[in-house]
C-alpha atoms as a PDB file:
ATOM      1  CA  MET A   1     107.911 107.982  75.008  1.00  0.00           C
ATOM      2  CA  LEU A   2     108.456 106.471  78.060  1.00  0.00           C
ATOM      3  CA  ASP A   3     110.639 103.928  79.041  1.00  0.00           C
ATOM      4  CA  VAL A   4     108.661 101.360  81.188  1.00  0.00           C
ATOM      5  CA  ALA A   5     109.945  98.418  83.076  1.00  0.00           C
ATOM      6  CA  LEU A   6     107.696  95.198  84.085  1.00  0.00           C
ATOM      7  CA  LEU A   7     108.673  94.754  87.863  1.00  0.00           C
ATOM      8  CA  PRO A   8     109.088  90.877  88.424  1.00  0.00           C
ATOM      9  CA  GLY A   9     106.339  88.770  90.180  1.00  0.00           C
ATOM     10  CA  GLU A  10     102.694  89.563  90.858  1.00  0.00           C
ATOM     11  CA  TYR A  11     101.587  92.292  92.899  1.00  0.00           C
ATOM     12  CA  ALA A  12      98.885  92.477  95.543  1.00  0.00           C
ATOM     13  CA  VAL A  13      96.488  95.333  96.128  1.00  0.00           C
ATOM     14  CA  CYS A  14      95.265  95.024  99.814  1.00  0.00           C
ATOM     15  CA  ARG A  15      92.636  96.791 101.957  1.00  0.00           C
ATOM     16  CA  LEU A  16      93.115  96.886 105.924  1.00  0.00           C
ATOM     17  CA  PRO A  17      90.888  98.265 108.419  1.00  0.00           C
ATOM     18  CA  ALA A  18      91.251 102.040 109.457  1.00  0.00           C
ATOM     19  CA  GLY A  19      94.056 102.447 112.033  1.00  0.00           C
ATOM     20  CA  SER A  20      95.608  98.995 111.301  1.00  0.00           C
ATOM     21  CA  ALA A  21      99.308  98.582 112.320  1.00  0.00           C
ATOM     22  CA  LEU A  22     101.729  97.317 109.679  1.00  0.00           C
ATOM     23  CA  ARG A  23     104.254  94.965 110.429  1.00  0.00           C
ATOM     24  CA  PRO A  24     108.128  95.800 109.241  1.00  0.00           C
ATOM     25  CA  ALA A  25     108.105  92.499 107.095  1.00  0.00           C
ATOM     26  CA  LEU A  26     105.756  94.666 104.382  1.00  0.00           C
ATOM     27  CA  TRP A  27     108.654  96.960 103.343  1.00  0.00           C
ATOM     28  CA  GLY A  28     111.844  95.633 105.133  1.00  0.00           C
ATOM     29  CA  ASP A  29     114.311  94.104 102.905  1.00  0.00           C
ATOM     30  CA  LEU A  30     112.990  95.005  99.593  1.00  0.00           C
ATOM     31  CA  GLY A  31     114.548  93.384  96.691  1.00  0.00           C
ATOM     32  CA  ASP A  32     115.760  95.046  93.460  1.00  0.00           C
ATOM     33  CA  GLY A  33     112.655  96.297  91.686  1.00  0.00           C
ATOM     34  CA  GLU A  34     110.546  95.852  94.387  1.00  0.00           C
ATOM     35  CA  VAL A  35     108.002  98.499  95.703  1.00  0.00           C
ATOM     36  CA  VAL A  36     105.831  98.995  98.565  1.00  0.00           C
ATOM     37  CA  SER A  37     103.098 101.836  98.969  1.00  0.00           C
ATOM     38  CA  VAL A  38     100.788 102.508 101.742  1.00  0.00           C
ATOM     39  CA  SER A  39      97.791 105.014 101.918  1.00  0.00           C
ATOM     40  CA  TRP A  40      95.981 105.806 105.074  1.00  0.00           C
ATOM     41  CA  SER A  41      92.192 107.341 105.213  1.00  0.00           C
ATOM     42  CA  ALA A  42      89.552 107.274 107.530  1.00  0.00           C
ATOM     43  CA  ASP A  43      87.764 104.341 105.737  1.00  0.00           C
ATOM     44  CA  GLY A  44      90.873 102.218 105.963  1.00  0.00           C
ATOM     45  CA  VAL A  45      94.675 101.481 104.712  1.00  0.00           C
ATOM     46  CA  SER A  46      95.433 100.701 101.203  1.00  0.00           C
ATOM     47  CA  VAL A  47      98.736  98.618 100.516  1.00  0.00           C
ATOM     48  CA  ILE A  48      99.790  97.867  96.950  1.00  0.00           C
ATOM     49  CA  CYS A  49     103.273  95.427  97.657  1.00  0.00           C
ATOM     50  CA  PRO A  50     104.488  91.964  96.135  1.00  0.00           C
ATOM     51  CA  ALA A  51     101.876  89.244  96.633  1.00  0.00           C
ATOM     52  CA  SER A  52     104.391  87.701  98.818  1.00  0.00           C
ATOM     53  CA  ARG A  53     104.391  90.426 101.380  1.00  0.00           C
ATOM     54  CA  ALA A  54     100.719  90.981 101.646  1.00  0.00           C
ATOM     55  CA  PRO A  55      99.492  91.018 105.009  1.00  0.00           C
ATOM     56  CA  ASP A  56      97.947  87.875 105.960  1.00  0.00           C
ATOM     57  CA  GLU A  57      94.814  89.501 107.696  1.00  0.00           C
ATOM     58  CA  ALA A  58      94.275  91.866 104.718  1.00  0.00           C
ATOM     59  CA  GLU A  59      91.312  91.848 101.860  1.00  0.00           C
ATOM     60  CA  ALA A  60      93.699  91.362  99.006  1.00  0.00           C
ATOM     61  CA  GLU A  61      93.616  91.009  95.157  1.00  0.00           C
ATOM     62  CA  THR A  62      97.024  89.209  94.225  1.00  0.00           C
ATOM     63  CA  ASP A  63      96.927  88.878  90.487  1.00  0.00           C
ATOM     64  CA  TRP A  64      98.139  92.215  89.323  1.00  0.00           C
ATOM     65  CA  ARG A  65     101.470  92.908  87.695  1.00  0.00           C
ATOM     66  CA  CYS A  66     103.410  96.372  87.896  1.00  0.00           C
ATOM     67  CA  LEU A  67     104.702  98.487  85.183  1.00  0.00           C
ATOM     68  CA  ARG A  68     107.234 101.246  86.121  1.00  0.00           C
ATOM     69  CA  VAL A  69     108.122 104.655  84.448  1.00  0.00           C
ATOM     70  CA  VAL A  70     112.227 104.460  84.325  1.00  0.00           C
ATOM     71  CA  GLY A  71     113.266 106.997  86.644  1.00  0.00           C
ATOM     72  CA  PRO A  72     113.777 109.397  88.496  1.00  0.00           C
ATOM     73  CA  LEU A  73     111.642 111.724  86.505  1.00  0.00           C
ATOM     74  CA  GLY A  74     112.514 115.471  86.909  1.00  0.00           C
ATOM     75  CA  HIS A  75     110.194 117.501  88.885  1.00  0.00           C
ATOM     76  CA  PRO A  76     107.534 118.807  87.974  1.00  0.00           C
ATOM     77  CA  VAL A  77     106.407 116.325  85.230  1.00  0.00           C
ATOM     78  CA  THR A  78     103.025 116.598  83.620  1.00  0.00           C
ATOM     79  CA  GLY A  79     101.188 113.792  81.788  1.00  0.00           C
ATOM     80  CA  THR A  80     103.406 110.982  82.338  1.00  0.00           C
ATOM     81  CA  LEU A  81     100.944 108.770  84.093  1.00  0.00           C
ATOM     82  CA  ALA A  82      98.353 110.113  81.881  1.00  0.00           C
ATOM     83  CA  ALA A  83     100.288 108.962  78.866  1.00  0.00           C
ATOM     84  CA  LEU A  84     100.126 105.345  80.303  1.00  0.00           C
ATOM     85  CA  VAL A  85      96.553 105.106  81.409  1.00  0.00           C
ATOM     86  CA  ALA A  86      94.801 106.772  78.889  1.00  0.00           C
ATOM     87  CA  PRO A  87      95.974 104.177  75.756  1.00  0.00           C
ATOM     88  CA  LEU A  88      95.128 101.384  78.502  1.00  0.00           C
ATOM     89  CA  ALA A  89      91.972 102.982  79.045  1.00  0.00           C
ATOM     90  CA  GLU A  90      91.148 102.830  75.568  1.00  0.00           C
ATOM     91  CA  ALA A  91      91.781  99.089  75.171  1.00  0.00           C
ATOM     92  CA  ARG A  92      89.521  98.570  78.372  1.00  0.00           C
ATOM     93  CA  VAL A  93      92.586  97.302  80.557  1.00  0.00           C
ATOM     94  CA  ASN A  94      91.767  98.034  84.027  1.00  0.00           C
ATOM     95  CA  VAL A  95      94.695  99.814  85.722  1.00  0.00           C
ATOM     96  CA  VAL A  96      95.480 100.857  89.496  1.00  0.00           C
ATOM     97  CA  ALA A  97      97.934 103.656  89.380  1.00  0.00           C
ATOM     98  CA  PHE A  98     100.145 105.002  91.995  1.00  0.00           C
ATOM     99  CA  SER A  99     103.376 107.422  92.300  1.00  0.00           C
ATOM    100  CA  THR A 100     106.466 107.616  94.333  1.00  0.00           C
ATOM    101  CA  TYR A 101     108.618 110.816  94.676  1.00  0.00           C
ATOM    102  CA  ASP A 102     110.653 109.321  91.690  1.00  0.00           C
ATOM    103  CA  THR A 103     108.575 108.021  89.113  1.00  0.00           C
ATOM    104  CA  ASP A 104     104.931 106.483  88.368  1.00  0.00           C
ATOM    105  CA  HIS A 105     103.744 102.821  88.498  1.00  0.00           C
ATOM    106  CA  VAL A 106     100.641 101.129  86.758  1.00  0.00           C
ATOM    107  CA  LEU A 107      99.498  98.068  87.920  1.00  0.00           C
ATOM    108  CA  VAL A 108      97.188  95.848  85.143  1.00  0.00           C
ATOM    109  CA  PRO A 109      95.802  92.363  85.681  1.00  0.00           C
ATOM    110  CA  ALA A 110      98.279  89.351  85.515  1.00  0.00           C
ATOM    111  CA  VAL A 111      96.173  87.899  82.787  1.00  0.00           C
ATOM    112  CA  ARG A 112      95.992  91.200  80.413  1.00  0.00           C
ATOM    113  CA  LEU A 113      99.667  91.724  80.781  1.00  0.00           C
ATOM    114  CA  ASP A 114     100.467  90.892  77.192  1.00  0.00           C
ATOM    115  CA  GLU A 115      97.654  92.966  75.917  1.00  0.00           C
ATOM    116  CA  ALA A 116      98.690  96.040  78.248  1.00  0.00           C
ATOM    117  CA  THR A 117     102.296  95.884  76.875  1.00  0.00           C
ATOM    118  CA  VAL A 118     101.554  95.761  73.463  1.00  0.00           C
ATOM    119  CA  THR A 119      99.118  98.557  73.634  1.00  0.00           C
ATOM    120  CA  LEU A 120     101.850 100.387  75.314  1.00  0.00           C
ATOM    121  CA  ARG A 121     104.225  99.685  72.592  1.00  0.00           C
ATOM    122  CA  ARG A 122     101.592 100.879  70.232  1.00  0.00           C
ATOM    123  CA  ALA A 123     101.409 104.334  72.057  1.00  0.00           C
ATOM    124  CA  GLY A 124     105.048 104.763  71.438  1.00  0.00           C
ATOM    125  CA  HIS A 125     106.563 103.568  74.732  1.00  0.00           C
ATOM    126  CA  ARG A 126     109.490 101.345  75.031  1.00  0.00           C
ATOM    127  CA  LEU A 127     108.978  98.220  77.229  1.00  0.00           C
ATOM    128  CA  LEU A 128     112.567  97.374  78.799  1.00  0.00           C
ATOM    129  CA  ASP A 129     113.465  93.715  79.891  1.00  0.00           C
END
């Protein structure tokens, strides 16, 4: 069983062209519970962030909610992300997953949040307020 917290507000999944510069406003003064994740590749820059912080110039999907495994998790931890993603996949709920050094996060479509939380509870996880 995992303890999972729903982060406040909607999240965005963004794409920027390769080599794009990111403004400090993207990550500066993060509020309690906010998280920003950035991945660079030869194909582009991917950003996951609170929707209100999404770069204006980015191609963005903004209707996501973020669930975070309450951590920090001990290292090494095996199967944490799979324990969340597998039941959601069985329920056919789309996910975007990412990890930080301390824990794992799963984005689910905002319109499927209720279904996602019910699914995770049925899988034995505890959703915290």
